Protein backbone atom coordinates (compact mmCIF):
# COMPACT_ATOMS: atom_id res chain seq x y z
CA UNK A 1 -25.08 -29.15 5.08
CA UNK A 2 -21.94 -27.64 3.62
CA UNK A 3 -21.84 -24.12 2.25
CA UNK A 4 -22.67 -24.00 -1.48
CA UNK A 5 -19.67 -24.17 -3.83
CA UNK A 6 -19.07 -24.96 -7.47
CA UNK A 7 -17.61 -28.43 -8.12
CA UNK A 8 -16.67 -29.86 -11.59
CA UNK A 9 -16.61 -33.63 -12.03
CA UNK A 10 -14.58 -34.83 -15.08
CA UNK A 11 -15.00 -38.49 -15.99
CA UNK A 12 -15.94 -40.23 -19.22
CA UNK A 13 -17.77 -43.07 -17.36
CA UNK A 14 -21.39 -41.92 -17.26
CA UNK A 15 -22.46 -44.04 -14.28
CA UNK A 16 -19.49 -43.02 -12.10
CA UNK A 17 -19.84 -39.37 -13.06
CA UNK A 18 -23.57 -39.49 -12.28
CA UNK A 19 -22.91 -41.20 -8.95
CA UNK A 20 -20.31 -38.56 -7.97
CA UNK A 21 -22.66 -35.79 -8.97
CA UNK A 22 -25.43 -37.16 -6.75
CA UNK A 23 -23.21 -37.78 -3.78
CA UNK A 24 -21.51 -34.40 -3.95
CA UNK A 25 -24.81 -32.59 -4.75
CA UNK A 26 -26.48 -34.03 -1.61
CA UNK A 27 -23.86 -32.01 0.38
CA UNK A 28 -25.30 -28.75 -0.97
CA UNK A 29 -22.74 -28.20 -3.71
CA UNK A 30 -23.48 -27.07 -7.26
CA UNK A 31 -22.03 -29.82 -9.49
CA UNK A 32 -21.03 -29.43 -13.16
CA UNK A 33 -20.06 -32.28 -15.44
CA UNK A 34 -17.54 -32.86 -18.22
CA UNK A 35 -16.53 -36.01 -20.11
CA UNK A 36 -13.03 -34.95 -21.29
CA UNK A 37 -10.33 -32.20 -21.07
CA UNK A 38 -11.92 -30.06 -23.79
CA UNK A 39 -15.29 -29.87 -22.25
CA UNK A 40 -13.78 -29.38 -18.73
CA UNK A 41 -11.90 -26.26 -19.91
CA UNK A 42 -15.10 -25.00 -21.49
CA UNK A 43 -17.05 -25.37 -18.20
CA UNK A 44 -14.13 -23.61 -16.32
CA UNK A 45 -14.39 -20.72 -18.76
CA UNK A 46 -18.06 -20.23 -17.98
CA UNK A 47 -18.38 -21.12 -14.25
CA UNK A 48 -16.50 -20.04 -11.13
CA UNK A 49 -15.35 -23.58 -10.31
CA UNK A 50 -13.59 -23.98 -6.93
CA UNK A 51 -12.77 -27.68 -6.99
CA UNK A 52 -12.29 -30.16 -9.90
CA UNK A 53 -12.68 -33.86 -9.24
CA UNK A 54 -11.07 -35.49 -12.22
CA UNK A 55 -10.29 -38.91 -13.53
CA UNK A 56 -6.59 -39.44 -14.47
CA UNK A 57 -7.38 -41.15 -17.76
CA UNK A 58 -9.58 -39.24 -20.20
CA UNK A 59 -10.43 -39.73 -23.92
CA UNK A 60 -8.43 -36.65 -25.13
CA UNK A 61 -5.67 -36.55 -22.55
CA UNK A 62 -4.99 -37.23 -18.86
CA UNK A 63 -5.76 -35.61 -15.58
CA UNK A 64 -2.18 -34.72 -14.83
CA UNK A 65 -1.88 -32.65 -18.03
CA UNK A 66 -5.36 -31.11 -17.34
CA UNK A 67 -4.23 -30.16 -13.82
CA UNK A 68 -1.40 -28.07 -15.21
CA UNK A 69 -3.71 -26.31 -17.71
CA UNK A 70 -6.18 -25.57 -14.97
CA UNK A 71 -3.52 -24.18 -12.56
CA UNK A 72 -2.17 -21.88 -15.33
CA UNK A 73 -5.63 -20.56 -16.27
CA UNK A 74 -7.48 -20.73 -12.94
CA UNK A 75 -4.76 -20.77 -10.20
CA UNK A 76 -7.31 -20.53 -7.38
CA UNK A 77 -9.10 -23.79 -8.37
CA UNK A 78 -8.09 -27.01 -6.59
CA UNK A 79 -7.94 -30.45 -8.27
CA UNK A 80 -8.58 -33.85 -6.75
CA UNK A 81 -7.46 -36.62 -9.05
CA UNK A 82 -9.11 -40.05 -9.19
CA UNK A 83 -7.49 -43.24 -10.59
CA UNK A 84 -8.25 -46.92 -10.60
CA UNK A 85 -4.72 -47.95 -9.87
CA UNK A 86 -2.71 -45.54 -7.67
CA UNK A 87 1.07 -45.78 -7.60
CA UNK A 88 3.84 -43.63 -6.01
CA UNK A 89 5.27 -42.13 -9.20
CA UNK A 90 1.79 -41.05 -10.30
CA UNK A 91 1.15 -39.50 -6.92
CA UNK A 92 4.40 -37.60 -7.06
CA UNK A 93 3.65 -36.36 -10.55
CA UNK A 94 0.11 -35.32 -9.50
CA UNK A 95 1.29 -33.21 -6.56
CA UNK A 96 4.04 -31.59 -8.61
CA UNK A 97 1.48 -30.61 -11.29
CA UNK A 98 -0.46 -28.77 -8.68
CA UNK A 99 -3.16 -31.26 -7.63
CA UNK A 100 -4.63 -30.85 -4.11
CA UNK A 101 -4.81 -34.62 -3.60
CA UNK A 102 -4.91 -37.95 -5.33
CA UNK A 103 -7.18 -40.87 -4.37
CA UNK A 104 -8.11 -44.28 -5.77
CA UNK A 105 -11.44 -44.96 -7.27
CA UNK A 106 -13.46 -47.16 -4.95
CA UNK A 107 -12.28 -45.34 -1.73
CA UNK A 108 -15.43 -44.77 0.29
CA UNK A 109 -17.15 -41.46 -0.03
CA UNK A 110 -16.31 -40.47 3.57
CA UNK A 111 -12.77 -39.74 2.22
CA UNK A 112 -13.77 -37.77 -0.91
CA UNK A 113 -16.24 -35.38 0.71
CA UNK A 114 -13.87 -34.13 3.41
CA UNK A 115 -11.19 -33.67 0.73
CA UNK A 116 -13.61 -31.55 -1.22
CA UNK A 117 -14.40 -29.42 1.83
CA UNK A 118 -10.74 -28.87 2.59
CA UNK A 119 -10.01 -28.08 -1.04
CA UNK A 120 -12.87 -25.47 -1.15
CA UNK A 121 -11.52 -23.88 2.01
CA UNK A 122 -8.00 -23.62 0.42
CA UNK A 123 -9.42 -22.29 -2.88
CA UNK A 124 -11.42 -19.63 -1.11
CA UNK A 125 -8.46 -18.60 1.07
CA UNK A 126 -6.23 -18.32 -1.97
CA UNK A 127 -8.79 -16.09 -3.70
CA UNK A 128 -9.08 -13.80 -0.66
CA UNK A 129 -5.26 -13.52 -0.43
CA UNK A 130 -5.04 -12.78 -4.20
CA UNK A 131 -7.69 -10.05 -3.94
CA UNK A 132 -5.94 -8.50 -0.93
CA UNK A 133 -2.66 -8.50 -2.87
CA UNK A 134 -4.39 -6.80 -5.78
CA UNK A 135 -5.87 -4.22 -3.46
CA UNK A 136 -2.48 -3.55 -1.90
CA UNK A 137 -0.82 -3.28 -5.31
CA UNK A 138 -3.52 -0.89 -6.47
CA UNK A 139 -3.26 1.21 -3.28
CA UNK A 140 0.47 1.59 -3.66
CA UNK A 141 0.53 1.68 -7.48
CA UNK A 142 2.03 4.62 -9.41
CA UNK A 143 -1.55 5.59 -10.37
CA UNK A 144 -2.21 6.19 -6.64
CA UNK A 145 0.54 8.86 -6.59
CA UNK A 146 -1.56 12.01 -7.10
CA UNK A 147 -0.42 14.75 -9.53
CA UNK A 148 -0.76 16.03 -13.04
CA UNK A 149 2.19 18.45 -12.95
CA UNK A 150 5.05 17.89 -15.46
CA UNK A 151 7.49 17.45 -12.55
CA UNK A 152 5.63 14.55 -10.92
CA UNK A 153 4.71 12.87 -14.20
CA UNK A 154 8.40 12.88 -15.30
CA UNK A 155 9.42 11.39 -11.90
CA UNK A 156 6.80 8.58 -12.18
CA UNK A 157 7.95 7.77 -15.68
CA UNK A 158 11.49 7.50 -14.57
CA UNK A 159 10.74 5.31 -11.62
CA UNK A 160 8.52 2.97 -13.69
CA UNK A 161 11.59 2.05 -15.78
CA UNK A 162 13.39 0.62 -12.82
CA UNK A 163 10.61 -1.42 -11.21
CA UNK A 164 11.26 -4.61 -13.13
CA UNK A 165 15.07 -4.38 -12.76
CA UNK A 166 15.87 -5.97 -9.42
CA UNK A 167 18.38 -3.25 -8.53
CA UNK A 168 18.93 -0.75 -5.74
CA UNK A 169 17.25 2.57 -5.95
CA UNK A 170 18.04 5.68 -3.99
CA UNK A 171 15.21 8.22 -3.59
CA UNK A 172 16.36 11.79 -2.96
CA UNK A 173 14.23 14.68 -1.80
CA UNK A 174 13.19 16.99 1.00
CA UNK A 175 11.32 15.69 4.03
CA UNK A 176 7.67 15.04 3.34
CA UNK A 177 7.91 14.71 -0.48
CA UNK A 178 6.64 11.14 -0.53
CA UNK A 179 9.73 9.06 -0.84
CA UNK A 180 8.25 6.11 1.03
CA UNK A 181 5.16 6.24 -1.21
CA UNK A 182 7.41 5.89 -4.23
CA UNK A 183 9.34 2.99 -2.57
CA UNK A 184 5.98 1.19 -2.01
CA UNK A 185 4.99 1.80 -5.65
CA UNK A 186 8.29 0.30 -6.85
CA UNK A 187 7.75 -2.75 -4.68
CA UNK A 188 4.09 -3.17 -5.76
CA UNK A 189 5.06 -3.11 -9.45
CA UNK A 190 8.04 -5.42 -9.04
CA UNK A 191 8.35 -9.18 -9.20
CA UNK A 192 8.65 -9.13 -5.37
CA UNK A 193 5.13 -7.78 -4.75
CA UNK A 194 3.85 -10.95 -3.29
CA UNK A 195 6.65 -10.81 -0.63
CA UNK A 196 6.88 -8.40 2.33
CA UNK A 197 7.65 -4.66 2.06
CA UNK A 198 9.42 -3.52 5.17
CA UNK A 199 10.32 0.11 6.00
CA UNK A 200 12.81 1.37 8.59
CA UNK A 201 13.65 4.97 9.49
CA UNK A 202 17.37 4.86 10.34
CA UNK A 203 17.17 8.21 12.32
CA UNK A 204 14.58 6.75 14.78
CA UNK A 205 16.97 4.44 16.64
CA UNK A 206 20.24 4.60 18.47
CA UNK A 207 23.20 2.68 16.91
CA UNK A 208 22.78 -0.44 19.03
CA UNK A 209 19.03 -0.53 18.64
CA UNK A 210 19.30 0.03 14.89
CA UNK A 211 21.73 -2.90 14.56
CA UNK A 212 19.38 -5.15 16.40
CA UNK A 213 16.36 -3.98 14.41
CA UNK A 214 18.06 -4.43 11.11
CA UNK A 215 20.03 -7.66 11.65
CA UNK A 216 18.28 -9.33 14.56
CA UNK A 217 20.02 -10.89 17.57
CA UNK A 218 20.60 -14.18 19.33
CA UNK A 219 19.40 -14.88 22.81
CA UNK A 220 21.94 -13.68 25.39
CA UNK A 221 23.69 -11.30 22.88
CA UNK A 222 23.16 -8.45 25.34
CA UNK A 223 21.29 -7.62 28.50
CA UNK A 224 17.54 -8.08 27.95
CA UNK A 225 17.97 -10.38 24.86
CA UNK A 226 15.93 -13.17 26.32
CA UNK A 227 15.29 -15.00 22.96
CA UNK A 228 16.29 -14.95 19.36
CA UNK A 229 14.84 -12.13 17.33
CA UNK A 230 14.51 -11.76 13.60
CA UNK A 231 15.84 -8.53 12.07
CA UNK A 232 14.02 -6.60 9.39
CA UNK A 233 16.33 -7.80 6.72
CA UNK A 234 15.19 -11.38 7.51
CA UNK A 235 11.59 -10.31 7.81
CA UNK A 236 11.86 -8.79 4.29
CA UNK A 237 13.35 -11.92 2.80
CA UNK A 238 12.16 -12.31 -0.76
CA UNK A 239 10.75 -8.81 -0.74
CA UNK A 240 11.85 -5.19 -0.32
CA UNK A 241 13.56 -3.37 2.52
CA UNK A 242 13.18 0.41 2.45
CA UNK A 243 15.80 2.28 4.45
CA UNK A 244 14.71 5.87 5.05
CA UNK A 245 17.23 8.49 6.26
CA UNK A 246 20.08 6.16 5.25
CA UNK A 247 22.51 9.04 5.82
CA UNK A 248 21.97 8.71 9.61
CA UNK A 249 23.39 5.12 9.71
CA UNK A 250 26.76 4.72 11.54
CA UNK A 251 29.83 3.65 9.64
CA UNK A 252 30.20 0.24 11.19
CA UNK A 253 26.53 -0.67 10.37
CA UNK A 254 27.17 0.62 6.85
CA UNK A 255 29.84 -2.02 6.48
CA UNK A 256 27.43 -4.76 7.53
CA UNK A 257 24.81 -3.53 5.12
CA UNK A 258 27.37 -3.53 2.35
CA UNK A 259 27.92 -7.23 3.03
CA UNK A 260 24.20 -7.89 2.46
CA UNK A 261 24.38 -6.11 -0.89
CA UNK A 262 27.54 -7.87 -1.99
CA UNK A 263 27.10 -11.51 -0.78
CA UNK A 264 23.48 -11.75 0.38
CA UNK A 265 24.45 -12.54 3.97
CA UNK A 266 24.71 -10.98 7.36
CA UNK A 267 25.48 -11.81 10.99
CA UNK A 268 22.88 -11.41 13.72
CA UNK A 269 24.07 -9.68 16.87
CA UNK A 270 25.80 -12.32 19.03
CA UNK A 271 25.96 -14.90 16.22
CA UNK A 272 28.98 -16.26 14.36
CA UNK A 273 26.89 -18.09 11.78
CA UNK A 274 25.84 -16.08 8.68
CA UNK A 275 22.16 -15.74 7.71
CA UNK A 276 21.29 -15.66 4.04
CA UNK A 277 19.05 -12.85 2.72
CA UNK A 278 17.38 -12.34 -0.64
CA UNK A 279 16.16 -8.81 -0.36
CA UNK A 280 16.03 -5.72 -2.59
CA UNK A 281 17.12 -2.60 -0.88
CA UNK A 282 15.60 0.81 -1.53
CA UNK A 283 16.96 3.84 0.34
CA UNK A 284 16.16 7.44 0.82
CA UNK A 285 17.79 10.54 2.23
CA UNK A 286 17.45 14.33 2.32
CA UNK A 287 21.16 14.66 3.04
CA UNK A 288 24.01 15.30 0.57
CA UNK A 289 25.69 11.92 0.77
CA UNK A 290 28.54 12.92 -1.47
CA UNK A 291 29.39 15.64 1.03
CA UNK A 292 29.10 13.11 3.80
CA UNK A 293 31.60 10.88 1.95
CA UNK A 294 34.06 13.79 1.81
CA UNK A 295 33.50 14.40 5.54
CA UNK A 296 34.20 10.67 6.29
CA UNK A 297 30.61 9.99 7.55
CA UNK A 298 29.48 7.74 4.72
CA UNK A 299 31.17 4.84 2.98
CA UNK A 300 31.86 5.48 -0.70
CA UNK A 301 31.53 1.80 -1.64
CA UNK A 302 28.13 1.58 0.00
CA UNK A 303 27.02 4.74 -1.69
CA UNK A 304 27.77 3.35 -5.11
CA UNK A 305 26.00 0.05 -4.34
CA UNK A 306 22.89 1.87 -3.11
CA UNK A 307 23.01 4.55 -5.91
CA UNK A 308 22.66 2.29 -8.95
CA UNK A 309 19.58 4.22 -9.93
CA UNK A 310 18.76 7.65 -8.41
CA UNK A 311 15.44 9.42 -8.39
CA UNK A 312 14.91 13.04 -7.22
CA UNK A 313 11.42 13.54 -5.85
CA UNK A 314 10.33 17.13 -6.54
CA UNK A 315 9.21 19.39 -3.60
CA UNK A 316 5.68 20.59 -3.47
CA UNK A 317 6.64 24.17 -4.40
CA UNK A 318 7.82 22.89 -7.74
CA UNK A 319 4.52 21.19 -8.49
CA UNK A 320 1.98 23.78 -7.36
CA UNK A 321 -0.44 22.56 -10.07
CA UNK A 322 -0.89 19.45 -7.88
CA UNK A 323 -1.86 21.22 -4.70
CA UNK A 324 -5.64 21.44 -5.39
CA UNK A 325 -5.63 17.75 -6.31
CA UNK A 326 -3.79 16.78 -3.22
CA UNK A 327 -5.89 19.03 -0.98
CA UNK A 328 -9.10 17.57 -2.39
CA UNK A 329 -7.82 14.08 -1.79
CA UNK A 330 -6.88 14.74 1.82
CA UNK A 331 -10.18 16.63 2.40
CA UNK A 332 -12.08 13.53 1.32
CA UNK A 333 -9.90 11.17 3.41
CA UNK A 334 -10.32 13.18 6.58
CA UNK A 335 -13.99 13.97 5.97
CA UNK A 336 -14.67 10.27 5.71
CA UNK A 337 -12.54 9.44 8.68
CA UNK A 338 -14.17 12.05 10.86
CA UNK A 339 -17.67 11.44 9.46
CA UNK A 340 -18.03 15.14 8.48
CA UNK A 341 -19.97 16.49 5.43
CA UNK A 342 -17.15 18.52 3.91
CA UNK A 343 -17.45 18.61 0.12
CA UNK A 344 -15.51 21.61 -1.14
CA UNK A 345 -13.01 24.36 -0.57
CA UNK A 346 -13.45 28.12 -1.15
CA UNK A 347 -11.46 29.89 -3.80
CA UNK A 348 -9.64 31.93 -1.15
CA UNK A 349 -8.76 28.75 0.75
CA UNK A 350 -7.15 27.19 -2.37
CA UNK A 351 -5.43 30.41 -3.21
CA UNK A 352 -3.71 30.45 0.22
CA UNK A 353 -2.65 26.78 -0.23
CA UNK A 354 -1.22 27.50 -3.68
CA UNK A 355 0.91 30.37 -2.45
CA UNK A 356 2.36 28.81 0.69
CA UNK A 357 6.07 27.73 0.64
CA UNK A 358 5.27 24.19 2.04
CA UNK A 359 8.63 23.59 3.62
CA UNK A 360 7.21 20.27 5.01
CA UNK A 361 5.90 19.41 1.54
CA UNK A 362 3.04 16.94 1.20
CA UNK A 363 3.24 15.86 4.83
CA UNK A 364 2.67 19.44 5.90
CA UNK A 365 -0.28 19.83 3.52
CA UNK A 366 -1.82 16.63 4.86
CA UNK A 367 -1.57 17.99 8.43
CA UNK A 368 -3.10 21.35 7.41
CA UNK A 369 -5.97 19.61 5.64
CA UNK A 370 -6.67 17.36 8.61
CA UNK A 371 -6.78 20.42 10.92
CA UNK A 372 -9.06 22.25 8.45
CA UNK A 373 -11.55 19.38 8.34
CA UNK A 374 -11.56 19.10 12.15
CA UNK A 375 -12.37 22.80 12.46
CA UNK A 376 -14.93 22.94 9.70
CA UNK A 377 -18.59 23.53 10.61
CA UNK A 378 -20.04 23.71 7.10
CA UNK A 379 -19.74 21.87 3.83
CA UNK A 380 -17.03 24.20 2.49
CA UNK A 381 -13.51 24.81 3.88
CA UNK A 382 -12.63 28.49 4.11
CA UNK A 383 -9.61 30.54 5.19
CA UNK A 384 -11.05 30.61 8.71
CA UNK A 385 -10.17 26.90 8.89
CA UNK A 386 -6.48 27.58 8.20
CA UNK A 387 -3.89 28.16 10.98
CA UNK A 388 -4.35 31.45 12.84
CA UNK A 389 -0.85 32.68 11.99
CA UNK A 390 -1.65 32.37 8.30
CA UNK A 391 -4.81 34.48 8.57
CA UNK A 392 -3.32 37.20 10.69
CA UNK A 393 0.29 37.44 9.74
CA UNK A 394 0.96 35.80 6.39
CA UNK A 395 1.77 38.30 3.60
CA UNK A 396 0.23 35.74 1.22
CA UNK A 397 -3.27 36.75 2.36
CA UNK A 398 -2.55 40.37 1.57
CA UNK A 399 -2.44 39.66 -2.15
CA UNK A 400 -5.45 37.46 -2.18
CA UNK A 401 -8.31 38.57 -4.56
CA UNK A 402 -7.04 42.14 -4.43
CA UNK A 403 -9.67 43.27 -6.92
CA UNK A 404 -12.46 41.08 -5.58
CA UNK A 405 -14.49 43.25 -3.10
CA UNK A 406 -16.35 40.29 -1.63
CA UNK A 407 -13.12 38.46 -0.85
CA UNK A 408 -11.57 41.49 0.84
CA UNK A 409 -14.84 42.12 2.83
CA UNK A 410 -15.07 38.50 4.00
CA UNK A 411 -11.40 38.46 5.03
CA UNK A 412 -11.71 41.76 6.89
CA UNK A 413 -14.84 40.67 8.79
CA UNK A 414 -13.17 37.38 9.70
CA UNK A 415 -10.10 39.17 11.03
CA UNK A 416 -12.27 41.42 13.17
CA UNK A 417 -14.22 38.45 14.50
CA UNK A 418 -10.88 36.77 15.34
CA UNK A 419 -9.79 39.94 17.17
CA UNK A 420 -12.98 40.05 19.22
CA UNK A 421 -12.94 36.30 19.89
CA UNK A 422 -16.38 35.97 18.23
CA UNK A 423 -18.04 38.91 20.08
CA UNK A 424 -20.45 40.10 17.38
CA UNK A 425 -21.48 43.30 19.25
CA UNK A 426 -17.83 44.41 19.54
CA UNK A 427 -17.24 43.36 15.95
CA UNK A 428 -20.17 45.56 14.77
CA UNK A 429 -18.82 48.48 16.73
CA UNK A 430 -15.33 48.11 15.26
CA UNK A 431 -16.72 47.63 11.67
CA UNK A 432 -19.06 50.59 12.19
CA UNK A 433 -22.02 48.54 10.95
CA UNK A 434 -25.22 47.26 12.50
CA UNK A 435 -25.36 44.00 14.42
CA UNK A 436 -27.95 42.58 12.03
CA UNK A 437 -25.53 43.29 9.18
CA UNK A 438 -22.76 41.40 10.98
CA UNK A 439 -25.06 38.40 11.31
CA UNK A 440 -26.19 38.68 7.69
CA UNK A 441 -22.56 38.96 6.38
CA UNK A 442 -21.49 35.98 8.59
CA UNK A 443 -24.31 33.84 7.11
CA UNK A 444 -23.51 35.09 3.63
CA UNK A 445 -19.78 34.18 3.84
CA UNK A 446 -20.18 31.20 6.08
CA UNK A 447 -18.21 32.71 8.95
CA UNK A 448 -19.36 30.40 11.73
CA UNK A 449 -16.09 30.10 13.65
CA UNK A 450 -14.20 28.74 15.42
CA UNK A 451 -12.42 31.99 16.14
CA UNK A 452 -8.83 31.35 15.70
CA UNK A 453 -7.35 33.77 18.24
CA UNK A 454 -9.25 32.20 21.15
């Protein structure tokens, strides 16, 4: 028996509608009925109908018009049209209106039931694909870019303005600021969201490899090219191509990329026939391209084609208000990934994070949080989970909680334990306190190692 599914039978002939309901119902489906277009739309508004089996001629309209209405309001539903007199023009019109199939009344039921099964399979696949697309769009939406600081809110507001305009965007900023995340958000909010997003780091390949990766090649174009290969421009057709570190691209490849922007065509390596490409190009760099133009390293005409809209992504040091939010987010991500019960961060831990220079920006913060969660032994991250050089050498720590005696005591005991590689007896001797006091203080402050100088 087939898996249960919701089927709507639309026909104004009571006997035929009843017969279809019985036949389809015996296959395990839930069958709803309607006698005309109006009642059919009412059922669709109440029930999650997967397949509509509909007569072409109805009292208040026809099945072709109803098919169009259903596809506009319920795009995942599939429609099988029934008619007493099938003809080729009607079949063409039915398929163009979005019908799954078109059969004549009187065809045996062995044909209708397999059609329904295939239509349900297609409807469910479309629904899964749509949900996945919605999840991807949510994951890479602007709302997913974490930050309440004025700097990041202004940047997001600026980028939102360009999502609908199908133009090139250049993202500027230091390494690790999240340029690719912004590129994905632009794609997810654009009219190209249902097509591929493809990213390429131009600094990761030699010139020859970059050309092949970007434009593809024909079989025999060079040693080792055993078969035709699609380039990333072709893979991104209809969607978005994000070129990171665009300033690393060689001049001759820049000329080929310019052709893509100007005429929507390119030549694969080893080919004399142009390939068409409908792709939106987003680019990013941490270099000063205007200086590279003056130095003869970057084409001025390409720069102006890529630089229609420019966005500067602020470094983390200019949005310190966002550091606790980002740290909390990464803490949860890595705690879930590593199956560790880490639920919070100490005040001292956050104070260190907020005062660090973050030359690697968000990428560096992400790495530090992953390391801290790996080293954690309790539910709260403390300064003992930060890199050893920070705890022993960073001048940042020497201004932490200057007037908070408990913070100073905790930090001093941790440093001594680091120095003794966790030897409590030696730590007690150096601190000039009893061994039981060392254990009590360690429990009080959660100083359970690991000892960072080991």
